[in-house]
Amino acid sequence: MWTTKLLHDKVVLVTGASSGIGAATATLFARAGANVVLTARRTDKLAEVCRACEEANRAGQTGKGGRYAAVSLDMTNTEQVNKVLTLLPEWGRDVDVLVNNAGLAVGTDRVGDVKPDAIDRMLNTNVHGLIHITQQLVREFKARNSGHIINLGSIAGVNAYPGGSVYCASKAALHSFTTALRMELVDTPIRVSEIQPGMVETEFSLVRYRGDQSAADKVYEGIEPLTAEDIAEEVVWAASRKPHVNVADVLILPTNQASSYHVSRK
């Protein structure tokens, strides 16, 4: 039976929590009775998600958790990421679960035409920033002999597609990093999980198409995509398992998607 009692009063740090999967994940953890630290660049959006967390916690009626903090964090700023623990409120520094959600794709250009700034933005956010923040939390988790790292990967990390070379490479790097980290921590109680979504309708495509709403909408035409809430459920489910259970990898697709480029459009 799925129970969230093991999440009561835990401290969860969610990156990229201002919208989409990150916001949905933070809100669901709040409903489950956890305390949540939300990070992203858009602090105005984070404030909205914090209010959603408060409402979700009341709806959950666990009587647990209830602490939420919005922390401005740019995952491409290595100096800022490397001091993230000093930016957290005192109650939020003993993190129990790190959810590495921050990530993006920029453009659909093919190799030879990918803009240098797009390359840097994707790799710095999806790979470099994730590794830097994970290193800090791994040290903390080792010192306390507990903790859980949940990385948001993608089907693109195991099944590349044309027009997404750099994004796919970044998610492949995340997958390899996660796998190696799990092996390195196998003799500890620290858990390492990766959630690999397929097509999810969030701001992801809007960012990829640089704000072109019509182009973003076409991505999901003729298919019922996953929602941010669908993925949040998988993240919280993985985090709520008993300590001896580690959900290593979860690949979750819409019913009409079989791979990155095999989609049945009705």
C-alpha atoms as a PDB file:
ATOM      1  CA  MET A   1       0.000   0.000   0.000  1.00  0.00           C
ATOM      2  CA  TRP A   2       1.279   3.484  -0.846  1.00  0.00           C
ATOM      3  CA  THR A   3       1.701   5.446   2.361  1.00  0.00           C
ATOM      4  CA  THR A   4       3.473   8.759   2.881  1.00  0.00           C
ATOM      5  CA  LYS A   5       3.971   8.426   6.640  1.00  0.00           C
ATOM      6  CA  LEU A   6       7.719   8.017   6.147  1.00  0.00           C
ATOM      7  CA  LEU A   7       7.798  11.534   4.663  1.00  0.00           C
ATOM      8  CA  HIS A   8       6.290  13.235   7.693  1.00  0.00           C
ATOM      9  CA  ASP A   9       8.443  16.203   8.802  1.00  0.00           C
ATOM     10  CA  LYS A  10      11.211  15.281   6.339  1.00  0.00           C
ATOM     11  CA  VAL A  11      13.058  18.138   4.625  1.00  0.00           C
ATOM     12  CA  VAL A  12      12.858  18.029   0.832  1.00  0.00           C
ATOM     13  CA  LEU A  13      14.893  20.297  -1.453  1.00  0.00           C
ATOM     14  CA  VAL A  14      13.427  20.699  -4.944  1.00  0.00           C
ATOM     15  CA  THR A  15      15.331  22.535  -7.684  1.00  0.00           C
ATOM     16  CA  GLY A  16      13.516  24.160 -10.577  1.00  0.00           C
ATOM     17  CA  ALA A  17      10.410  24.381  -8.401  1.00  0.00           C
ATOM     18  CA  SER A  18       8.848  27.515  -9.904  1.00  0.00           C
ATOM     19  CA  SER A  19       6.627  25.666 -12.382  1.00  0.00           C
ATOM     20  CA  GLY A  20       5.834  22.350 -14.044  1.00  0.00           C
ATOM     21  CA  ILE A  21       7.130  19.130 -12.521  1.00  0.00           C
ATOM     22  CA  GLY A  22       9.097  20.935  -9.828  1.00  0.00           C
ATOM     23  CA  ALA A  23       6.090  22.893  -8.587  1.00  0.00           C
ATOM     24  CA  ALA A  24       3.825  19.835  -8.690  1.00  0.00           C
ATOM     25  CA  THR A  25       6.426  17.771  -6.818  1.00  0.00           C
ATOM     26  CA  ALA A  26       6.908  20.389  -4.111  1.00  0.00           C
ATOM     27  CA  THR A  27       3.151  20.663  -3.635  1.00  0.00           C
ATOM     28  CA  LEU A  28       2.656  16.913  -3.380  1.00  0.00           C
ATOM     29  CA  PHE A  29       5.461  16.573  -0.831  1.00  0.00           C
ATOM     30  CA  ALA A  30       3.756  19.312   1.190  1.00  0.00           C
ATOM     31  CA  ARG A  31       0.467  17.414   1.041  1.00  0.00           C
ATOM     32  CA  ALA A  32       2.316  14.317   2.299  1.00  0.00           C
ATOM     33  CA  GLY A  33       3.480  16.185   5.415  1.00  0.00           C
ATOM     34  CA  ALA A  34       7.037  17.101   4.431  1.00  0.00           C
ATOM     35  CA  ASN A  35       8.811  20.436   4.840  1.00  0.00           C
ATOM     36  CA  VAL A  36       9.916  21.789   1.463  1.00  0.00           C
ATOM     37  CA  VAL A  37      12.646  24.143   0.275  1.00  0.00           C
ATOM     38  CA  LEU A  38      11.929  25.363  -3.250  1.00  0.00           C
ATOM     39  CA  THR A  39      14.656  26.791  -5.453  1.00  0.00           C
ATOM     40  CA  ALA A  40      14.582  28.473  -8.865  1.00  0.00           C
ATOM     41  CA  ARG A  41      15.497  31.772 -10.512  1.00  0.00           C
ATOM     42  CA  ARG A  42      11.939  33.143 -10.591  1.00  0.00           C
ATOM     43  CA  THR A  43      11.272  34.062  -6.979  1.00  0.00           C
ATOM     44  CA  ASP A  44       7.848  35.543  -7.770  1.00  0.00           C
ATOM     45  CA  LYS A  45       6.729  32.161  -9.093  1.00  0.00           C
ATOM     46  CA  LEU A  46       8.287  30.398  -6.110  1.00  0.00           C
ATOM     47  CA  ALA A  47       6.167  32.512  -3.775  1.00  0.00           C
ATOM     48  CA  GLU A  48       3.056  31.265  -5.584  1.00  0.00           C
ATOM     49  CA  VAL A  49       4.186  27.654  -5.242  1.00  0.00           C
ATOM     50  CA  CYS A  50       4.858  28.160  -1.525  1.00  0.00           C
ATOM     51  CA  ARG A  51       1.257  29.297  -1.117  1.00  0.00           C
ATOM     52  CA  ALA A  52       0.122  26.209  -3.057  1.00  0.00           C
ATOM     53  CA  CYS A  53       2.197  24.074  -0.668  1.00  0.00           C
ATOM     54  CA  GLU A  54       0.446  25.629   2.323  1.00  0.00           C
ATOM     55  CA  GLU A  55      -2.953  24.869   0.823  1.00  0.00           C
ATOM     56  CA  ALA A  56      -1.907  21.323  -0.074  1.00  0.00           C
ATOM     57  CA  ASN A  57      -0.645  20.704   3.445  1.00  0.00           C
ATOM     58  CA  ARG A  58      -3.970  21.788   4.916  1.00  0.00           C
ATOM     59  CA  ALA A  59      -5.792  19.530   2.461  1.00  0.00           C
ATOM     60  CA  GLY A  60      -3.552  16.595   3.338  1.00  0.00           C
ATOM     61  CA  GLN A  61      -4.481  16.911   7.012  1.00  0.00           C
ATOM     62  CA  THR A  62      -1.413  15.026   8.227  1.00  0.00           C
ATOM     63  CA  GLY A  63      -0.605  17.531  10.936  1.00  0.00           C
ATOM     64  CA  LYS A  64       3.014  17.263   9.840  1.00  0.00           C
ATOM     65  CA  GLY A  65       5.393  19.464   7.856  1.00  0.00           C
ATOM     66  CA  GLY A  66       4.128  22.978   7.218  1.00  0.00           C
ATOM     67  CA  ARG A  67       7.456  24.708   6.645  1.00  0.00           C
ATOM     68  CA  TYR A  68       8.220  26.111   3.186  1.00  0.00           C
ATOM     69  CA  ALA A  69      10.949  28.391   1.910  1.00  0.00           C
ATOM     70  CA  ALA A  70      11.613  29.961  -1.489  1.00  0.00           C
ATOM     71  CA  VAL A  71      15.315  30.321  -2.301  1.00  0.00           C
ATOM     72  CA  SER A  72      16.620  32.108  -5.383  1.00  0.00           C
ATOM     73  CA  LEU A  73      19.070  29.814  -7.162  1.00  0.00           C
ATOM     74  CA  ASP A  74      20.493  29.928 -10.677  1.00  0.00           C
ATOM     75  CA  MET A  75      21.769  26.452 -11.551  1.00  0.00           C
ATOM     76  CA  THR A  76      24.132  27.923 -14.172  1.00  0.00           C
ATOM     77  CA  ASN A  77      25.889  30.002 -11.491  1.00  0.00           C
ATOM     78  CA  THR A  78      28.468  27.598 -10.074  1.00  0.00           C
ATOM     79  CA  GLU A  79      29.525  29.918  -7.254  1.00  0.00           C
ATOM     80  CA  GLN A  80      25.927  30.265  -6.100  1.00  0.00           C
ATOM     81  CA  VAL A  81      25.190  26.547  -6.409  1.00  0.00           C
ATOM     82  CA  ASN A  82      28.314  25.658  -4.443  1.00  0.00           C
ATOM     83  CA  LYS A  83      27.094  27.643  -1.436  1.00  0.00           C
ATOM     84  CA  VAL A  84      23.467  26.547  -1.644  1.00  0.00           C
ATOM     85  CA  LEU A  85      23.404  25.121   1.884  1.00  0.00           C
ATOM     86  CA  THR A  86      24.251  28.548   3.295  1.00  0.00           C
ATOM     87  CA  LEU A  87      21.245  29.989   1.455  1.00  0.00           C
ATOM     88  CA  LEU A  88      18.771  27.653   3.110  1.00  0.00           C
ATOM     89  CA  PRO A  89      16.819  28.502   6.265  1.00  0.00           C
ATOM     90  CA  GLU A  90      18.230  26.894   9.402  1.00  0.00           C
ATOM     91  CA  TRP A  91      15.414  24.332   9.562  1.00  0.00           C
ATOM     92  CA  GLY A  92      16.049  23.387   5.933  1.00  0.00           C
ATOM     93  CA  ARG A  93      19.757  22.615   6.083  1.00  0.00           C
ATOM     94  CA  ASP A  94      19.384  19.000   7.190  1.00  0.00           C
ATOM     95  CA  VAL A  95      17.988  17.908   3.840  1.00  0.00           C
ATOM     96  CA  ASP A  96      16.551  14.389   3.718  1.00  0.00           C
ATOM     97  CA  VAL A  97      15.576  14.274   0.038  1.00  0.00           C
ATOM     98  CA  LEU A  98      17.174  16.148  -2.862  1.00  0.00           C
ATOM     99  CA  VAL A  99      15.035  16.342  -5.993  1.00  0.00           C
ATOM    100  CA  ASN A 100      17.204  17.461  -8.917  1.00  0.00           C
ATOM    101  CA  ASN A 101      14.446  18.704 -11.192  1.00  0.00           C
ATOM    102  CA  ALA A 102      15.935  21.842 -12.763  1.00  0.00           C
ATOM    103  CA  GLY A 103      16.517  21.280 -16.469  1.00  0.00           C
ATOM    104  CA  LEU A 104      15.591  22.542 -19.907  1.00  0.00           C
ATOM    105  CA  ALA A 105      15.921  22.161 -23.656  1.00  0.00           C
ATOM    106  CA  VAL A 106      16.629  25.126 -25.929  1.00  0.00           C
ATOM    107  CA  GLY A 107      15.797  24.960 -29.632  1.00  0.00           C
ATOM    108  CA  THR A 108      15.551  22.102 -32.112  1.00  0.00           C
ATOM    109  CA  ASP A 109      18.593  22.961 -34.207  1.00  0.00           C
ATOM    110  CA  ARG A 110      20.664  20.126 -35.603  1.00  0.00           C
ATOM    111  CA  VAL A 111      24.378  19.616 -35.082  1.00  0.00           C
ATOM    112  CA  GLY A 112      26.274  22.330 -36.866  1.00  0.00           C
ATOM    113  CA  ASP A 113      23.521  24.875 -36.257  1.00  0.00           C
ATOM    114  CA  VAL A 114      23.115  24.676 -32.476  1.00  0.00           C
ATOM    115  CA  LYS A 115      23.737  28.102 -30.963  1.00  0.00           C
ATOM    116  CA  PRO A 116      26.700  28.270 -28.545  1.00  0.00           C
ATOM    117  CA  ASP A 117      24.591  29.950 -25.869  1.00  0.00           C
ATOM    118  CA  ALA A 118      22.005  27.156 -26.130  1.00  0.00           C
ATOM    119  CA  ILE A 119      24.729  24.522 -25.689  1.00  0.00           C
ATOM    120  CA  ASP A 120      26.101  26.264 -22.611  1.00  0.00           C
ATOM    121  CA  ARG A 121      22.688  26.853 -21.066  1.00  0.00           C
ATOM    122  CA  MET A 122      21.603  23.225 -21.406  1.00  0.00           C
ATOM    123  CA  LEU A 123      24.857  21.682 -20.213  1.00  0.00           C
ATOM    124  CA  ASN A 124      25.360  24.156 -17.364  1.00  0.00           C
ATOM    125  CA  THR A 125      21.823  23.629 -16.065  1.00  0.00           C
ATOM    126  CA  ASN A 126      21.199  19.959 -16.811  1.00  0.00           C
ATOM    127  CA  VAL A 127      24.658  18.590 -16.029  1.00  0.00           C
ATOM    128  CA  HIS A 128      27.107  20.959 -14.333  1.00  0.00           C
ATOM    129  CA  GLY A 129      24.634  22.504 -11.888  1.00  0.00           C
ATOM    130  CA  LEU A 130      23.164  19.117 -10.994  1.00  0.00           C
ATOM    131  CA  ILE A 131      26.581  17.619 -10.303  1.00  0.00           C
ATOM    132  CA  HIS A 132      27.702  20.561  -8.160  1.00  0.00           C
ATOM    133  CA  ILE A 133      24.609  20.549  -5.952  1.00  0.00           C
ATOM    134  CA  THR A 134      24.623  16.758  -5.678  1.00  0.00           C
ATOM    135  CA  GLN A 135      28.242  16.717  -4.482  1.00  0.00           C
ATOM    136  CA  GLN A 136      27.334  18.998  -1.602  1.00  0.00           C
ATOM    137  CA  LEU A 137      24.359  16.940  -0.541  1.00  0.00           C
ATOM    138  CA  VAL A 138      26.255  13.653  -0.876  1.00  0.00           C
ATOM    139  CA  ARG A 139      28.818  14.930   1.604  1.00  0.00           C
ATOM    140  CA  GLU A 140      26.027  15.900   4.000  1.00  0.00           C
ATOM    141  CA  PHE A 141      24.237  12.580   3.524  1.00  0.00           C
ATOM    142  CA  LYS A 142      27.434  10.629   4.176  1.00  0.00           C
ATOM    143  CA  ALA A 143      28.046  12.585   7.367  1.00  0.00           C
ATOM    144  CA  ARG A 144      24.519  11.721   8.587  1.00  0.00           C
ATOM    145  CA  ASN A 145      24.472   8.249   7.011  1.00  0.00           C
ATOM    146  CA  SER A 146      21.077   8.862   5.419  1.00  0.00           C
ATOM    147  CA  GLY A 147      19.454  10.662   2.504  1.00  0.00           C
ATOM    148  CA  HIS A 148      17.843  10.218  -0.885  1.00  0.00           C
ATOM    149  CA  ILE A 149      18.776  11.758  -4.239  1.00  0.00           C
ATOM    150  CA  ILE A 150      16.095  11.740  -6.926  1.00  0.00           C
ATOM    151  CA  ASN A 151      17.181  12.918 -10.371  1.00  0.00           C
ATOM    152  CA  LEU A 152      14.717  13.911 -13.076  1.00  0.00           C
ATOM    153  CA  GLY A 153      16.089  12.363 -16.231  1.00  0.00           C
ATOM    154  CA  SER A 154      14.252  11.801 -19.494  1.00  0.00           C
ATOM    155  CA  ILE A 155      13.518   9.157 -22.082  1.00  0.00           C
ATOM    156  CA  ALA A 156      15.846  11.349 -24.175  1.00  0.00           C
ATOM    157  CA  GLY A 157      18.714  10.161 -21.995  1.00  0.00           C
ATOM    158  CA  VAL A 158      18.344   6.579 -23.180  1.00  0.00           C
ATOM    159  CA  ASN A 159      16.705   7.138 -26.563  1.00  0.00           C
ATOM    160  CA  ALA A 160      18.087  10.115 -28.505  1.00  0.00           C
ATOM    161  CA  TYR A 161      16.265  11.873 -31.328  1.00  0.00           C
ATOM    162  CA  PRO A 162      17.181  14.286 -34.158  1.00  0.00           C
ATOM    163  CA  GLY A 163      17.000  17.950 -33.285  1.00  0.00           C
ATOM    164  CA  GLY A 164      17.762  17.256 -29.657  1.00  0.00           C
ATOM    165  CA  SER A 165      21.422  16.269 -29.730  1.00  0.00           C
ATOM    166  CA  VAL A 166      22.674  18.461 -26.893  1.00  0.00           C
ATOM    167  CA  TYR A 167      19.608  17.990 -24.697  1.00  0.00           C
ATOM    168  CA  CYS A 168      19.749  14.220 -25.209  1.00  0.00           C
ATOM    169  CA  ALA A 169      23.473  14.251 -24.433  1.00  0.00           C
ATOM    170  CA  SER A 170      22.812  16.172 -21.224  1.00  0.00           C
ATOM    171  CA  LYS A 171      20.219  13.652 -20.075  1.00  0.00           C
ATOM    172  CA  ALA A 172      22.464  10.746 -21.055  1.00  0.00           C
ATOM    173  CA  ALA A 173      25.154  12.323 -18.881  1.00  0.00           C
ATOM    174  CA  LEU A 174      22.643  12.607 -16.026  1.00  0.00           C
ATOM    175  CA  HIS A 175      21.741   8.933 -16.447  1.00  0.00           C
ATOM    176  CA  SER A 176      25.380   7.813 -16.330  1.00  0.00           C
ATOM    177  CA  PHE A 177      26.116  10.091 -13.375  1.00  0.00           C
ATOM    178  CA  THR A 178      23.114   8.704 -11.496  1.00  0.00           C
ATOM    179  CA  THR A 179      24.049   5.100 -12.214  1.00  0.00           C
ATOM    180  CA  ALA A 180      27.658   5.599 -11.099  1.00  0.00           C
ATOM    181  CA  LEU A 181      26.535   7.451  -7.968  1.00  0.00           C
ATOM    182  CA  ARG A 182      24.210   4.599  -7.030  1.00  0.00           C
ATOM    183  CA  MET A 183      27.128   2.177  -7.336  1.00  0.00           C
ATOM    184  CA  GLU A 184      29.391   4.416  -5.257  1.00  0.00           C
ATOM    185  CA  LEU A 185      26.824   4.606  -2.456  1.00  0.00           C
ATOM    186  CA  VAL A 186      25.780   0.942  -2.493  1.00  0.00           C
ATOM    187  CA  ASP A 187      27.463   0.295   0.872  1.00  0.00           C
ATOM    188  CA  THR A 188      25.529   3.121   2.540  1.00  0.00           C
ATOM    189  CA  PRO A 189      21.833   3.696   3.403  1.00  0.00           C
ATOM    190  CA  ILE A 190      21.759   6.586   0.907  1.00  0.00           C
ATOM    191  CA  ARG A 191      19.331   5.977  -1.944  1.00  0.00           C
ATOM    192  CA  VAL A 192      19.662   7.189  -5.542  1.00  0.00           C
ATOM    193  CA  SER A 193      16.735   7.214  -7.968  1.00  0.00           C
ATOM    194  CA  GLU A 194      16.088   8.436 -11.485  1.00  0.00           C
ATOM    195  CA  ILE A 195      12.665   9.272 -12.911  1.00  0.00           C
ATOM    196  CA  GLN A 196      12.636   9.335 -16.721  1.00  0.00           C
ATOM    197  CA  PRO A 197       9.505  10.994 -18.160  1.00  0.00           C
ATOM    198  CA  GLY A 198       8.351  10.873 -21.748  1.00  0.00           C
ATOM    199  CA  MET A 199       6.137  13.613 -23.162  1.00  0.00           C
ATOM    200  CA  VAL A 200       4.919  15.891 -20.375  1.00  0.00           C
ATOM    201  CA  GLU A 201       2.903  19.015 -21.105  1.00  0.00           C
ATOM    202  CA  THR A 202       4.510  21.818 -19.084  1.00  0.00           C
ATOM    203  CA  GLU A 203       6.457  24.983 -19.907  1.00  0.00           C
ATOM    204  CA  PHE A 204       9.208  22.700 -21.247  1.00  0.00           C
ATOM    205  CA  SER A 205       8.218  23.027 -24.919  1.00  0.00           C
ATOM    206  CA  LEU A 206       7.496  26.730 -24.548  1.00  0.00           C
ATOM    207  CA  VAL A 207      11.062  27.251 -23.342  1.00  0.00           C
ATOM    208  CA  ARG A 208      12.422  24.976 -26.067  1.00  0.00           C
ATOM    209  CA  TYR A 209      10.628  27.022 -28.737  1.00  0.00           C
ATOM    210  CA  ARG A 210      11.746  30.273 -27.136  1.00  0.00           C
ATOM    211  CA  GLY A 211       8.278  31.410 -26.171  1.00  0.00           C
ATOM    212  CA  ASP A 212       6.473  30.412 -29.389  1.00  0.00           C
ATOM    213  CA  GLN A 213       3.190  29.123 -27.951  1.00  0.00           C
ATOM    214  CA  SER A 214       1.820  27.804 -31.258  1.00  0.00           C
ATOM    215  CA  ALA A 215       4.976  25.749 -31.878  1.00  0.00           C
ATOM    216  CA  ALA A 216       4.865  24.429 -28.308  1.00  0.00           C
ATOM    217  CA  ASP A 217       1.216  23.416 -28.650  1.00  0.00           C
ATOM    218  CA  LYS A 218       1.912  21.420 -31.814  1.00  0.00           C
ATOM    219  CA  VAL A 219       4.184  19.085 -29.857  1.00  0.00           C
ATOM    220  CA  TYR A 220       1.175  17.634 -28.067  1.00  0.00           C
ATOM    221  CA  GLU A 221      -1.348  17.613 -30.913  1.00  0.00           C
ATOM    222  CA  GLY A 222      -3.189  14.310 -31.279  1.00  0.00           C
ATOM    223  CA  ILE A 223      -1.843  12.786 -28.074  1.00  0.00           C
ATOM    224  CA  GLU A 224      -2.759  12.936 -24.408  1.00  0.00           C
ATOM    225  CA  PRO A 225       0.583  13.751 -22.790  1.00  0.00           C
ATOM    226  CA  LEU A 226       1.585  13.204 -19.211  1.00  0.00           C
ATOM    227  CA  THR A 227       1.001  15.997 -16.717  1.00  0.00           C
ATOM    228  CA  ALA A 228       3.373  17.467 -14.161  1.00  0.00           C
ATOM    229  CA  GLU A 229       1.244  15.835 -11.482  1.00  0.00           C
ATOM    230  CA  ASP A 230       1.749  12.410 -13.086  1.00  0.00           C
ATOM    231  CA  ILE A 231       5.509  12.742 -12.654  1.00  0.00           C
ATOM    232  CA  ALA A 232       5.247  14.277  -9.183  1.00  0.00           C
ATOM    233  CA  GLU A 233       3.378  11.171  -8.056  1.00  0.00           C
ATOM    234  CA  GLU A 234       6.277   8.979  -9.188  1.00  0.00           C
ATOM    235  CA  VAL A 235       8.827  11.149  -7.381  1.00  0.00           C
ATOM    236  CA  VAL A 236       6.911  11.188  -4.102  1.00  0.00           C
ATOM    237  CA  TRP A 237       6.160   7.473  -4.416  1.00  0.00           C
ATOM    238  CA  ALA A 238       9.885   6.712  -4.809  1.00  0.00           C
ATOM    239  CA  ALA A 239      10.730   8.880  -1.798  1.00  0.00           C
ATOM    240  CA  SER A 240       8.067   7.273   0.381  1.00  0.00           C
ATOM    241  CA  ARG A 241       9.349   3.673   0.111  1.00  0.00           C
ATOM    242  CA  LYS A 242      10.730   1.904   3.155  1.00  0.00           C
ATOM    243  CA  PRO A 243      14.418   2.602   3.839  1.00  0.00           C
ATOM    244  CA  HIS A 244      15.531  -0.780   2.472  1.00  0.00           C
ATOM    245  CA  VAL A 245      13.753  -0.178  -0.862  1.00  0.00           C
ATOM    246  CA  ASN A 246      15.436   1.884  -3.582  1.00  0.00           C
ATOM    247  CA  VAL A 247      13.461   2.696  -6.717  1.00  0.00           C
ATOM    248  CA  ALA A 248      16.400   2.835  -9.113  1.00  0.00           C
ATOM    249  CA  ASP A 249      14.883   3.820 -12.477  1.00  0.00           C
ATOM    250  CA  VAL A 250      11.349   4.614 -13.579  1.00  0.00           C
ATOM    251  CA  LEU A 251      10.538   5.222 -17.257  1.00  0.00           C
ATOM    252  CA  ILE A 252       7.047   6.698 -17.531  1.00  0.00           C
ATOM    253  CA  LEU A 253       5.378   7.382 -20.883  1.00  0.00           C
ATOM    254  CA  PRO A 254       1.968   8.413 -22.168  1.00  0.00           C
ATOM    255  CA  THR A 255       0.051   5.376 -23.399  1.00  0.00           C
ATOM    256  CA  ASN A 256       0.544   6.428 -27.021  1.00  0.00           C
ATOM    257  CA  GLN A 257       4.306   6.962 -26.785  1.00  0.00           C
ATOM    258  CA  ALA A 258       6.718   4.061 -27.245  1.00  0.00           C
ATOM    259  CA  SER A 259      10.032   5.939 -27.610  1.00  0.00           C
ATOM    260  CA  SER A 260      11.333   9.456 -28.102  1.00  0.00           C
ATOM    261  CA  TYR A 261      10.070   9.498 -31.691  1.00  0.00           C
ATOM    262  CA  HIS A 262       7.469   6.708 -31.809  1.00  0.00           C
ATOM    263  CA  VAL A 263       4.218   8.472 -30.962  1.00  0.00           C
ATOM    264  CA  SER A 264       0.724   7.562 -32.112  1.00  0.00           C
ATOM    265  CA  ARG A 265      -1.196  10.742 -32.891  1.00  0.00           C
ATOM    266  CA  LYS A 266      -4.923  10.168 -33.088  1.00  0.00           C
END
